Amino acid sequence: MNPNDLLQFLKKSPEYFTKDDIVRFCEENNIEMVNFRYVAGDGKLKTLNFAISSKEYLDTILSDGERVDGSNIFSFIEAGSSDLYVIPRYSTSFMDPFAEVPTLNIMCSYYDNTGRPLTSSPEYILRQANAAFRKNTGMDFKCFGELEYYVICDEEELYPGRDQKGYHESGPFCKFEEMRTEAMLMISRAGGKIKYGHAEVGCFTKDGKYYEQHEIEFLPVDPVLAVEELAIAKWILRMLGAQYGVEVSFAPKITVGKAGSGLHFHMMAEKNGRNVMIKDGALSDTAKRMIVGILDVGDAVTAFGNTIPISYLRLVPHQEAPTYICWGDRNRSVVVRVPLGWTSSTDMAAEVNFGLKRKAEKTCKQTFEYRVADGSADIYQTVACLICGAMHGLAMNGALSIADKLYASGNIFNEEYKAFLKTLRQLPTCCAESADVLIAKRKMFERDDIFPPRVIDAQAAKLKSYNDKGLSDRILGNEKQFSELVEKYIHIA
C-alpha cells in the first residue's frame, strides 16, 4: 500500500534502491528531468535541475553528483574555497508532484573538495549523532515531528471559524482541510511516513486576513528520514499554498494572544527492533534517563530549535508552550511530555466493536515529546542535539532521582505548583540567552566528534547578532512593532 512511485515500480524497499534501479525507472517511465534537492543553511529545500539527454548523462550525474557554490549554501563557508559536491542518495528518490514533465527528485548529501563528507553540514552532524547513539547504547534512536503551520488568506464571511477553537475542526468551518489532505498524499508519495493530519487550535481574523492552523504528524523512523520528510513536507505545503493562492507560514508566532506554531519532536529507542520506552506496563528507566538528559540540555537545544527573536514570543506561560524545564504525562506546559502510549492491557477496539473484554497483544507505541522547538529550527541539528541529550541522560549518575524531582503531574501554572516552579530552571527568553547556554554546554554536543566547534561558534554568533535581549519587554503593547517583526520572519525555514 506504500504510494511511493519508485517502490511500486521496483518492488523493493527504498533503502535497497541502486543506481541501476534509478536508471531503469527513468528509462521505462520517460523521465525527462532529474532534480537534486538539498537543505541549505536557511532550512529551505534547494534545487539543481538536470535535463536528461541520454542514458550516459543520467548515469554520470547519479555516479558523480555535481558541484555547487557552498558559500551560497552555508554562511560558514568562505567564497575563496567554496566548491562542494552534492551526491544523490538513491533511497530518497521520488516523483515531483508539481512538475509539468515527468521529473524525479533525489535528496543529496554534501561532500568537500577532498571527496569526504562535509563534517560541518547539518545532515552529517545528525548522522554522526545517530551513529554515536547506536555505538554507545546498543540501541536505535527513532523519532518523528509534528509539523504545525498557518494558512493565511483574505477574510471570508461564509462559515467563519471560531476564534482559537479550530482544534480538529471539519469543513466547511475548516477552510483548508482539502489542501491539507492533498499535501498528505503528496508527502506520502515522496516517501514521508505520515501518522495523521488535523486542524489545530489557531483560528482567527486580523486586519482583513483569515488565519487557520493545521498540523501533520509523522510516524517514528530513522532520524535523517524524520528530518528530511519534514523539509519535503514544508516545500510541498508552500507549493500547494501558491497554487491555492494563499500563504503558508511555519513562523513560531503570528500575533499576541493566539496559538503559536511549534515543531514538536517525539522520540523513542529500540533494542533489537522492540520499543524499550515501556517496561511492565509503565514508563521504563531507560525512557526516564533519556528524558532527564534532554531536560539537562533542553535549554541549549533552543540554539538550533528556536533560532529567531519571535521564537521566544511563543515560549510564554498559558499558551500550551513550555517555559520551565520539567516533564510530565499528558501535560502540555512542560518541556518533555509523555503522551498516551496504548499501554493499557485492554483491547479497546474489541470491546467497542464486539463487547469483548480481553487482553491485547500490541506493538508498543510509547514515545516522549520535546515541545520547545518551532518552525525556525535547523531540524537536522535540533534532532542531533536531542540525541546528544538522550545519550547524556543514559550515562548520567542519579538520573532516576533527578527524574522524580523534575516530574509534574499536572499543569505547572496551577497554584499547587507555585513552590515547585521556584526549584526549576527556565528556558532562555531570547536568542542572546540561548547563545550563552549553548556555549556553556557545548562539550555535550562536541563529544564523539558530533558537532564541530566551528559550528557551535557560528551558531552562537548568529544568535547574538539579533541583539534581542529584553525584546519582549520592549515591544510589549506595541502592535505595530510586533507585526513588523512577524512579517520579517513570516516565511522562516
Protein backbone atom coordinates (compact mmCIF):
# COMPACT_ATOMS: atom_id res chain seq x y z
CA MET A 1 0.00 0.00 0.00
CA ASN A 2 3.03 2.34 0.02
CA PRO A 3 2.21 5.07 -2.56
CA ASN A 4 5.82 5.91 -3.49
CA ASP A 5 6.05 5.54 -7.28
CA LEU A 6 9.55 4.02 -7.28
CA LEU A 7 8.71 1.47 -4.61
CA GLN A 8 5.61 0.44 -6.58
CA PHE A 9 7.65 0.08 -9.77
CA LEU A 10 10.81 -1.52 -8.37
CA LYS A 11 9.02 -3.74 -5.82
CA LYS A 12 11.70 -3.22 -3.20
CA SER A 13 12.17 -1.07 -0.10
CA PRO A 14 13.87 2.32 -0.76
CA GLU A 15 16.97 1.50 1.29
CA TYR A 16 17.80 -1.12 -1.35
CA PHE A 17 17.45 1.17 -4.38
CA THR A 18 20.56 1.09 -6.59
CA LYS A 19 21.83 3.32 -9.37
CA ASP A 20 20.74 0.73 -11.90
CA ASP A 21 17.25 0.76 -10.37
CA ILE A 22 17.01 4.53 -10.80
CA VAL A 23 18.24 4.37 -14.40
CA ARG A 24 15.72 1.64 -15.23
CA PHE A 25 12.88 3.60 -13.61
CA CYS A 26 13.82 6.72 -15.58
CA GLU A 27 14.06 4.79 -18.87
CA GLU A 28 10.77 2.97 -18.51
CA ASN A 29 8.83 5.96 -17.17
CA ASN A 30 10.13 8.50 -19.70
CA ILE A 31 11.71 10.76 -17.06
CA GLU A 32 12.77 13.99 -18.74
CA MET A 33 14.18 15.87 -15.76
CA VAL A 34 16.09 14.97 -12.60
CA ASN A 35 16.28 17.42 -9.69
CA PHE A 36 18.92 17.22 -6.99
CA ARG A 37 17.38 18.52 -3.73
CA TYR A 38 19.24 19.51 -0.56
CA VAL A 39 18.61 21.59 2.55
CA ALA A 40 20.72 24.73 2.86
CA GLY A 41 21.70 26.74 5.90
CA ASP A 42 18.43 28.69 5.75
CA GLY A 43 16.49 25.46 6.29
CA LYS A 44 14.81 25.52 2.88
CA LEU A 45 14.96 22.90 0.15
CA LYS A 46 17.20 23.90 -2.76
CA THR A 47 17.11 22.60 -6.36
CA LEU A 48 19.58 21.77 -9.13
CA ASN A 49 17.85 20.77 -12.40
CA PHE A 50 19.18 18.28 -14.97
CA ALA A 51 17.52 17.83 -18.37
CA ILE A 52 18.20 14.19 -19.20
CA SER A 53 19.56 13.95 -22.74
CA SER A 54 20.92 10.39 -22.64
CA LYS A 55 21.30 7.30 -20.50
CA GLU A 56 25.04 8.02 -20.28
CA TYR A 57 24.42 11.51 -18.88
CA LEU A 58 21.93 10.17 -16.34
CA ASP A 59 24.49 7.56 -15.27
CA THR A 60 27.13 10.29 -14.87
CA ILE A 61 25.13 12.53 -12.55
CA LEU A 62 23.92 9.56 -10.49
CA SER A 63 27.51 8.30 -10.17
CA ASP A 64 29.38 11.57 -9.60
CA GLY A 65 26.89 14.13 -8.32
CA GLU A 66 27.60 17.76 -9.18
CA ARG A 67 29.38 20.89 -7.90
CA VAL A 68 27.64 23.72 -6.03
CA ASP A 69 28.80 27.01 -4.53
CA GLY A 70 28.99 26.24 -0.82
CA SER A 71 29.35 29.90 0.18
CA ASN A 72 25.78 30.48 -1.03
CA ILE A 73 24.56 27.35 0.74
CA PHE A 74 26.12 27.80 4.19
CA SER A 75 27.21 31.06 5.82
CA PHE A 76 30.23 29.39 7.45
CA ILE A 77 31.84 28.56 4.08
CA GLU A 78 34.07 31.28 2.59
CA ALA A 79 33.80 32.31 -1.06
CA GLY A 80 37.55 31.77 -1.63
CA SER A 81 37.27 27.98 -1.33
CA SER A 82 33.60 27.31 -1.57
CA ASP A 83 33.06 24.42 -4.00
CA LEU A 84 31.12 21.46 -2.62
CA TYR A 85 29.82 18.27 -4.18
CA VAL A 86 26.17 17.25 -3.85
CA ILE A 87 25.90 13.46 -4.07
CA PRO A 88 22.48 11.81 -4.66
CA ARG A 89 21.11 9.24 -2.24
CA TYR A 90 19.09 6.79 -4.33
CA SER A 91 16.81 5.73 -1.45
CA THR A 92 15.31 9.24 -1.28
CA SER A 93 14.08 9.36 -4.89
CA PHE A 94 10.51 10.49 -5.54
CA MET A 95 8.44 11.87 -8.38
CA ASP A 96 7.97 15.65 -8.37
CA PRO A 97 4.22 16.20 -7.83
CA PHE A 98 4.30 19.72 -9.30
CA ALA A 99 6.42 19.32 -12.43
CA GLU A 100 4.76 19.63 -15.85
CA VAL A 101 7.05 16.95 -17.35
CA PRO A 102 7.97 13.63 -15.67
CA THR A 103 10.58 14.68 -13.11
CA LEU A 104 12.49 12.69 -10.50
CA ASN A 105 13.67 14.36 -7.27
CA ILE A 106 16.59 12.95 -5.27
CA MET A 107 17.87 14.21 -1.92
CA CYS A 108 21.63 14.75 -1.70
CA SER A 109 24.47 14.74 0.81
CA TYR A 110 27.30 17.31 0.86
CA TYR A 111 30.93 16.33 0.24
CA ASP A 112 34.02 18.55 0.41
CA ASN A 113 36.84 19.09 -2.09
CA THR A 114 38.70 16.00 -0.82
CA GLY A 115 35.77 13.72 -1.57
CA ARG A 116 34.86 13.25 2.09
CA PRO A 117 31.54 14.10 3.80
CA LEU A 118 31.30 17.77 4.79
CA THR A 119 31.65 17.40 8.57
CA SER A 120 30.02 20.76 9.25
CA SER A 121 26.89 20.06 7.19
CA PRO A 122 23.77 19.61 9.33
CA GLU A 123 22.94 16.26 7.72
CA TYR A 124 26.38 14.83 8.53
CA ILE A 125 26.15 16.10 12.12
CA LEU A 126 22.86 14.23 12.53
CA ARG A 127 24.33 11.07 11.03
CA GLN A 128 27.25 11.29 13.47
CA ALA A 129 24.87 11.70 16.40
CA ASN A 130 22.76 8.76 15.29
CA ALA A 131 25.83 6.53 14.84
CA ALA A 132 27.18 7.55 18.25
CA PHE A 133 23.87 6.69 19.92
CA ARG A 134 23.90 3.22 18.37
CA LYS A 135 27.56 2.64 19.26
CA ASN A 136 27.34 3.97 22.84
CA THR A 137 23.99 2.47 23.84
CA GLY A 138 23.46 -0.57 21.61
CA MET A 139 20.03 0.84 20.74
CA ASP A 140 18.46 2.56 17.74
CA PHE A 141 17.07 6.08 18.05
CA LYS A 142 13.75 6.75 16.31
CA CYS A 143 11.84 10.00 16.11
CA PHE A 144 9.21 11.98 14.25
CA GLY A 145 7.94 15.54 14.04
CA GLU A 146 4.63 17.33 14.45
CA LEU A 147 4.56 19.98 11.72
CA GLU A 148 2.30 22.93 12.63
CA TYR A 149 1.59 25.74 10.19
CA TYR A 150 -0.83 28.55 9.42
CA VAL A 151 -2.71 29.08 6.16
CA ILE A 152 -3.31 32.80 5.58
CA CYS A 153 -5.87 34.20 3.14
CA ASP A 154 -8.31 37.08 2.68
CA GLU A 155 -11.08 37.08 5.25
CA GLU A 156 -14.27 35.22 4.31
CA GLU A 157 -17.69 35.54 5.94
CA LEU A 158 -19.08 32.17 4.81
CA TYR A 159 -18.89 29.58 7.63
CA PRO A 160 -16.50 31.58 9.82
CA GLY A 161 -14.18 29.66 12.10
CA ARG A 162 -14.38 30.25 15.86
CA ASP A 163 -11.55 32.19 17.48
CA GLN A 164 -8.98 29.78 18.98
CA LYS A 165 -11.44 26.89 18.60
CA GLY A 166 -10.03 25.26 15.48
CA TYR A 167 -8.84 22.00 17.07
CA HIS A 168 -9.88 19.07 14.84
CA GLU A 169 -12.47 21.27 13.09
CA SER A 170 -14.02 19.89 9.88
CA GLY A 171 -15.16 21.53 6.69
CA PRO A 172 -16.89 23.81 5.90
CA PHE A 173 -15.80 25.54 9.11
CA CYS A 174 -12.24 24.38 8.37
CA LYS A 175 -11.43 26.11 5.08
CA PHE A 176 -8.24 24.28 4.10
CA GLU A 177 -8.89 20.66 5.05
CA GLU A 178 -8.74 19.62 1.38
CA MET A 179 -5.39 21.37 0.92
CA ARG A 180 -4.02 19.53 3.95
CA THR A 181 -5.19 16.12 2.74
CA GLU A 182 -3.80 16.82 -0.73
CA ALA A 183 -0.46 17.68 0.87
CA MET A 184 -0.51 14.48 2.93
CA LEU A 185 -0.96 12.34 -0.17
CA MET A 186 1.90 14.13 -1.94
CA ILE A 187 4.18 13.77 1.10
CA SER A 188 3.37 10.05 1.27
CA ARG A 189 4.21 9.60 -2.41
CA ALA A 190 7.51 11.40 -1.71
CA GLY A 191 8.38 8.81 0.95
CA GLY A 192 7.05 10.52 4.08
CA LYS A 193 5.61 8.22 6.75
CA ILE A 194 2.52 10.12 7.94
CA LYS A 195 0.52 9.27 11.06
CA TYR A 196 -2.33 11.76 10.59
CA GLY A 197 -3.31 15.36 9.92
CA HIS A 198 -5.85 17.69 11.52
CA ALA A 199 -6.87 21.29 12.05
CA GLU A 200 -5.16 22.87 15.08
CA VAL A 201 -6.32 25.34 17.73
CA GLY A 202 -5.24 28.54 15.96
CA CYS A 203 -8.11 30.20 14.10
CA PHE A 204 -8.67 33.95 13.94
CA THR A 205 -9.13 37.00 11.73
CA LYS A 206 -6.95 40.08 11.83
CA ASP A 207 -6.76 43.17 9.60
CA GLY A 208 -8.89 41.61 6.88
CA LYS A 209 -6.94 38.33 6.87
CA TYR A 210 -8.07 34.87 7.95
CA TYR A 211 -5.56 32.62 9.77
CA GLU A 212 -6.15 28.88 10.08
CA GLN A 213 -3.73 26.50 11.81
CA HIS A 214 -3.11 22.88 10.81
CA GLU A 215 -0.84 20.02 11.82
CA ILE A 216 0.62 16.99 10.05
CA GLU A 217 2.18 14.37 12.32
CA PHE A 218 4.53 11.62 11.19
CA LEU A 219 5.50 8.11 12.30
CA PRO A 220 8.73 7.07 14.10
CA VAL A 221 11.59 6.47 11.66
CA ASP A 222 15.36 6.85 11.36
CA PRO A 223 16.38 10.41 12.34
CA VAL A 224 17.62 11.51 8.89
CA LEU A 225 14.40 10.33 7.24
CA ALA A 226 12.39 12.03 10.00
CA VAL A 227 14.11 15.33 9.31
CA GLU A 228 14.03 15.18 5.53
CA GLU A 229 10.37 14.27 5.35
CA LEU A 230 9.72 17.49 7.30
CA ALA A 231 11.81 19.52 4.84
CA ILE A 232 9.97 17.97 1.89
CA ALA A 233 6.59 18.49 3.61
CA LYS A 234 7.32 22.19 4.09
CA TRP A 235 8.20 22.54 0.41
CA ILE A 236 5.04 20.70 -0.67
CA LEU A 237 2.80 22.79 1.59
CA ARG A 238 4.26 26.04 0.28
CA MET A 239 3.97 24.90 -3.33
CA LEU A 240 0.34 23.93 -2.73
CA GLY A 241 -0.27 27.25 -0.99
CA ALA A 242 0.96 29.06 -4.09
CA GLN A 243 -1.46 27.02 -6.22
CA TYR A 244 -4.35 27.79 -3.87
CA GLY A 245 -3.43 31.48 -3.80
CA VAL A 246 -2.73 31.51 -0.05
CA GLU A 247 0.32 31.90 2.17
CA VAL A 248 1.63 29.06 4.32
CA SER A 249 3.74 30.04 7.33
CA PHE A 250 5.70 27.97 9.84
CA ALA A 251 6.59 31.07 11.89
CA PRO A 252 6.51 30.39 15.64
CA LYS A 253 4.25 33.35 16.44
CA ILE A 254 1.75 35.23 14.28
CA THR A 255 0.15 37.63 16.76
CA VAL A 256 -0.25 38.27 20.50
CA GLY A 257 -2.64 36.04 22.41
CA LYS A 258 -3.13 33.45 19.66
CA ALA A 259 -1.71 29.95 19.37
CA GLY A 260 1.83 29.81 18.02
CA SER A 261 3.23 27.04 15.87
CA GLY A 262 5.69 24.59 17.37
CA LEU A 263 7.71 21.79 15.82
CA HIS A 264 7.46 19.09 18.46
CA PHE A 265 9.68 16.02 18.25
CA HIS A 266 8.64 12.60 19.57
CA MET A 267 11.41 10.15 20.43
CA MET A 268 11.92 6.54 21.38
CA ALA A 269 14.68 3.94 21.50
CA GLU A 270 14.55 0.39 20.16
CA LYS A 271 16.58 -2.66 21.13
CA ASN A 272 16.54 -5.48 18.58
CA GLY A 273 13.55 -3.84 16.94
CA ARG A 274 11.49 -3.54 20.15
CA ASN A 275 10.46 -0.25 21.76
CA VAL A 276 12.12 -0.01 25.21
CA MET A 277 10.19 3.01 26.48
CA ILE A 278 7.82 0.77 28.47
CA LYS A 279 8.60 -1.99 30.97
CA ASP A 280 5.95 -3.94 32.88
CA GLY A 281 3.25 -1.55 31.70
CA ALA A 282 4.98 1.62 32.96
CA LEU A 283 7.50 4.12 31.63
CA SER A 284 10.88 2.41 31.70
CA ASP A 285 14.03 3.60 33.46
CA THR A 286 15.64 3.88 30.02
CA ALA A 287 12.96 6.37 28.96
CA LYS A 288 13.31 8.36 32.19
CA ARG A 289 17.09 8.58 31.80
CA MET A 290 16.73 9.80 28.21
CA ILE A 291 14.17 12.40 29.33
CA VAL A 292 16.44 13.68 32.10
CA GLY A 293 19.35 14.04 29.69
CA ILE A 294 17.21 16.00 27.26
CA LEU A 295 15.94 18.21 30.08
CA ASP A 296 19.54 18.87 31.10
CA VAL A 297 20.44 20.15 27.62
CA GLY A 298 16.95 21.32 26.65
CA ASP A 299 17.76 24.98 27.19
CA ALA A 300 20.83 24.70 24.91
CA VAL A 301 18.81 22.88 22.21
CA THR A 302 16.96 26.17 21.67
CA ALA A 303 20.10 27.46 19.92
CA PHE A 304 19.18 25.22 16.98
CA GLY A 305 15.46 24.71 17.63
CA ASN A 306 14.38 28.32 18.26
CA THR A 307 16.60 30.46 16.10
CA ILE A 308 14.84 33.83 15.65
CA PRO A 309 13.63 36.55 18.02
CA ILE A 310 9.92 35.74 17.63
CA SER A 311 10.65 32.15 18.74
CA TYR A 312 10.73 33.46 22.29
CA LEU A 313 7.43 35.33 21.95
CA ARG A 314 5.83 31.88 21.64
CA LEU A 315 7.53 30.44 24.75
CA VAL A 316 5.30 32.22 27.26
CA PRO A 317 3.04 30.88 30.05
CA HIS A 318 -0.55 29.75 29.41
CA GLN A 319 -0.14 29.25 25.63
CA GLU A 320 0.45 25.45 25.67
CA ALA A 321 4.15 26.21 25.23
CA PRO A 322 6.87 25.36 27.79
CA THR A 323 8.83 27.88 29.83
CA TYR A 324 10.10 25.85 32.83
CA ILE A 325 12.35 22.81 32.46
CA CYS A 326 10.41 19.80 33.75
CA TRP A 327 8.46 16.83 32.39
CA GLY A 328 5.09 15.17 32.86
CA ASP A 329 2.43 12.83 31.50
CA ARG A 330 -0.16 14.15 29.04
CA ASN A 331 0.90 17.66 30.10
CA ARG A 332 1.36 20.48 27.58
CA SER A 333 3.01 23.01 29.91
CA VAL A 334 6.28 21.05 30.23
CA VAL A 335 9.46 20.74 28.14
CA VAL A 336 9.08 16.97 27.75
CA ARG A 337 5.63 15.38 27.66
CA VAL A 338 4.86 11.66 27.83
CA PRO A 339 1.69 11.18 25.76
CA LEU A 340 -0.73 8.28 25.91
CA GLY A 341 1.03 5.23 24.53
CA TRP A 342 -1.59 2.44 24.38
CA THR A 343 -0.11 0.82 27.49
CA SER A 344 -3.46 -0.44 28.78
CA SER A 345 -3.91 -4.20 28.65
CA THR A 346 -7.47 -3.76 27.38
CA ASP A 347 -8.29 -4.42 23.72
CA MET A 348 -10.38 -1.28 23.30
CA ALA A 349 -11.25 -1.96 19.66
CA ALA A 350 -12.63 -5.41 20.50
CA GLU A 351 -14.64 -4.00 23.38
CA VAL A 352 -16.18 -1.10 21.47
CA ASN A 353 -16.99 -3.21 18.41
CA PHE A 354 -17.95 -6.59 19.81
CA GLY A 355 -18.34 -6.06 23.56
CA LEU A 356 -15.38 -8.35 24.22
CA LYS A 357 -13.07 -7.69 27.17
CA ARG A 358 -9.70 -9.30 26.54
CA LYS A 359 -6.03 -8.53 26.89
CA ALA A 360 -4.42 -7.16 23.76
CA GLU A 361 -1.07 -8.16 22.32
CA LYS A 362 0.08 -4.91 20.70
CA THR A 363 3.24 -3.29 19.47
CA CYS A 364 4.44 -0.69 21.96
CA LYS A 365 3.90 2.83 20.58
CA GLN A 366 5.15 4.81 23.59
CA THR A 367 7.21 7.93 22.87
CA PHE A 368 8.10 11.10 24.69
CA GLU A 369 7.89 14.56 23.18
CA TYR A 370 10.20 17.60 23.23
CA ARG A 371 7.81 20.55 22.91
CA VAL A 372 10.14 23.54 22.66
CA ALA A 373 11.33 23.73 19.02
CA ASP A 374 9.49 25.66 16.31
CA GLY A 375 9.41 26.20 12.55
CA SER A 376 12.61 28.28 12.60
CA ALA A 377 14.60 25.22 13.68
CA ASP A 378 17.58 23.78 11.89
CA ILE A 379 15.89 20.42 12.07
CA TYR A 380 18.98 18.27 11.43
CA GLN A 381 20.94 19.91 14.23
CA THR A 382 17.95 20.12 16.59
CA VAL A 383 17.46 16.35 16.40
CA ALA A 384 21.24 15.82 16.70
CA CYS A 385 21.13 17.84 19.95
CA LEU A 386 18.24 15.74 21.25
CA ILE A 387 20.19 12.55 20.52
CA CYS A 388 23.17 14.01 22.40
CA GLY A 389 20.86 14.78 25.32
CA ALA A 390 19.42 11.26 25.34
CA MET A 391 22.93 9.72 25.39
CA HIS A 392 23.91 12.13 28.16
CA GLY A 393 20.95 11.02 30.29
CA LEU A 394 21.63 7.31 29.78
CA ALA A 395 25.16 7.82 31.16
CA MET A 396 24.20 10.28 33.93
CA ASN A 397 24.66 9.35 37.58
CA GLY A 398 21.50 9.83 39.63
CA ALA A 399 19.29 10.33 36.56
CA LEU A 400 16.31 8.49 38.06
CA SER A 401 16.40 10.59 41.22
CA ILE A 402 16.52 13.75 39.09
CA ALA A 403 13.57 12.44 37.07
CA ASP A 404 11.48 12.24 40.23
CA LYS A 405 12.39 15.82 41.21
CA LEU A 406 11.53 17.27 37.79
CA TYR A 407 8.22 15.45 37.36
CA ALA A 408 4.98 17.44 37.24
CA SER A 409 1.71 15.50 37.35
CA GLY A 410 -0.48 18.47 36.38
CA ASN A 411 -0.49 21.99 34.96
CA ILE A 412 2.58 23.66 36.45
CA PHE A 413 0.88 27.05 36.39
CA ASN A 414 -1.77 25.93 38.87
CA GLU A 415 -1.48 27.28 42.40
CA GLU A 416 -0.32 23.99 43.93
CA TYR A 417 2.86 24.12 41.79
CA LYS A 418 3.95 27.55 42.97
CA ALA A 419 6.74 26.20 45.21
CA PHE A 420 7.72 23.59 42.61
CA LEU A 421 8.28 26.28 39.96
CA LYS A 422 10.82 28.03 42.17
CA THR A 423 13.04 24.92 42.04
CA LEU A 424 13.13 24.76 38.23
CA ARG A 425 15.42 26.28 35.62
CA GLN A 426 13.75 28.34 32.93
CA LEU A 427 14.21 28.20 29.17
CA PRO A 428 16.06 31.09 27.51
CA THR A 429 13.91 34.16 26.88
CA CYS A 430 15.78 35.39 23.80
CA CYS A 431 18.35 34.37 21.19
CA ALA A 432 21.14 36.01 23.19
CA GLU A 433 20.44 33.84 26.25
CA SER A 434 20.18 30.77 24.02
CA ALA A 435 23.66 31.51 22.63
CA ASP A 436 25.07 31.79 26.16
CA VAL A 437 23.71 28.44 27.28
CA LEU A 438 24.88 26.77 24.04
CA ILE A 439 28.43 27.93 24.73
CA ALA A 440 28.18 26.82 28.36
CA LYS A 441 27.07 23.30 27.37
CA ARG A 442 28.93 22.90 24.09
CA LYS A 443 31.06 19.97 25.31
CA MET A 444 27.97 17.75 25.45
CA PHE A 445 27.42 18.35 21.73
CA GLU A 446 31.07 18.18 20.68
CA ARG A 447 31.59 14.70 22.18
CA ASP A 448 32.09 11.82 19.75
CA ASP A 449 33.01 14.40 17.08
CA ILE A 450 29.31 15.15 16.52
CA PHE A 451 29.28 18.96 16.40
CA PRO A 452 32.45 20.61 15.06
CA PRO A 453 33.48 23.53 17.34
CA ARG A 454 33.20 25.99 14.43
CA VAL A 455 29.50 25.12 14.03
CA ILE A 456 28.83 25.90 17.69
CA ASP A 457 30.77 29.18 17.42
CA ALA A 458 28.98 30.21 14.23
CA GLN A 459 25.52 29.48 15.64
CA ALA A 460 26.23 31.39 18.87
CA ALA A 461 27.48 34.38 16.88
CA LYS A 462 24.37 34.31 14.67
CA LEU A 463 22.07 34.27 17.70
CA LYS A 464 24.00 37.09 19.39
CA SER A 465 23.74 39.23 16.24
CA TYR A 466 19.98 39.66 16.77
CA ASN A 467 20.68 41.76 19.87
CA ASP A 468 17.25 40.74 21.17
CA LYS A 469 17.80 40.72 24.93
CA GLY A 470 14.73 42.24 26.54
CA LEU A 471 12.83 42.26 23.22
CA SER A 472 9.59 41.00 24.76
CA ASP A 473 9.50 43.90 27.21
CA ARG A 474 10.50 46.44 24.54
CA ILE A 475 7.61 45.59 22.21
CA LEU A 476 5.00 44.87 24.90
CA GLY A 477 1.78 46.59 23.82
CA ASN A 478 3.32 47.87 20.56
CA GLU A 479 1.15 46.07 17.99
CA LYS A 480 2.81 47.80 15.02
CA GLN A 481 6.31 46.78 16.05
CA PHE A 482 5.16 43.22 16.81
CA SER A 483 3.51 42.93 13.37
CA GLU A 484 6.62 44.25 11.61
CA LEU A 485 8.75 41.65 13.41
CA VAL A 486 6.36 38.83 12.49
CA GLU A 487 6.26 39.94 8.85
CA LYS A 488 10.07 39.85 8.74
CA TYR A 489 10.07 36.16 9.69
CA ILE A 490 6.75 35.02 8.21
CA HIS A 491 8.48 32.63 5.78
CA ILE A 492 11.29 31.45 8.03
CA ALA A 493 12.72 27.96 7.32
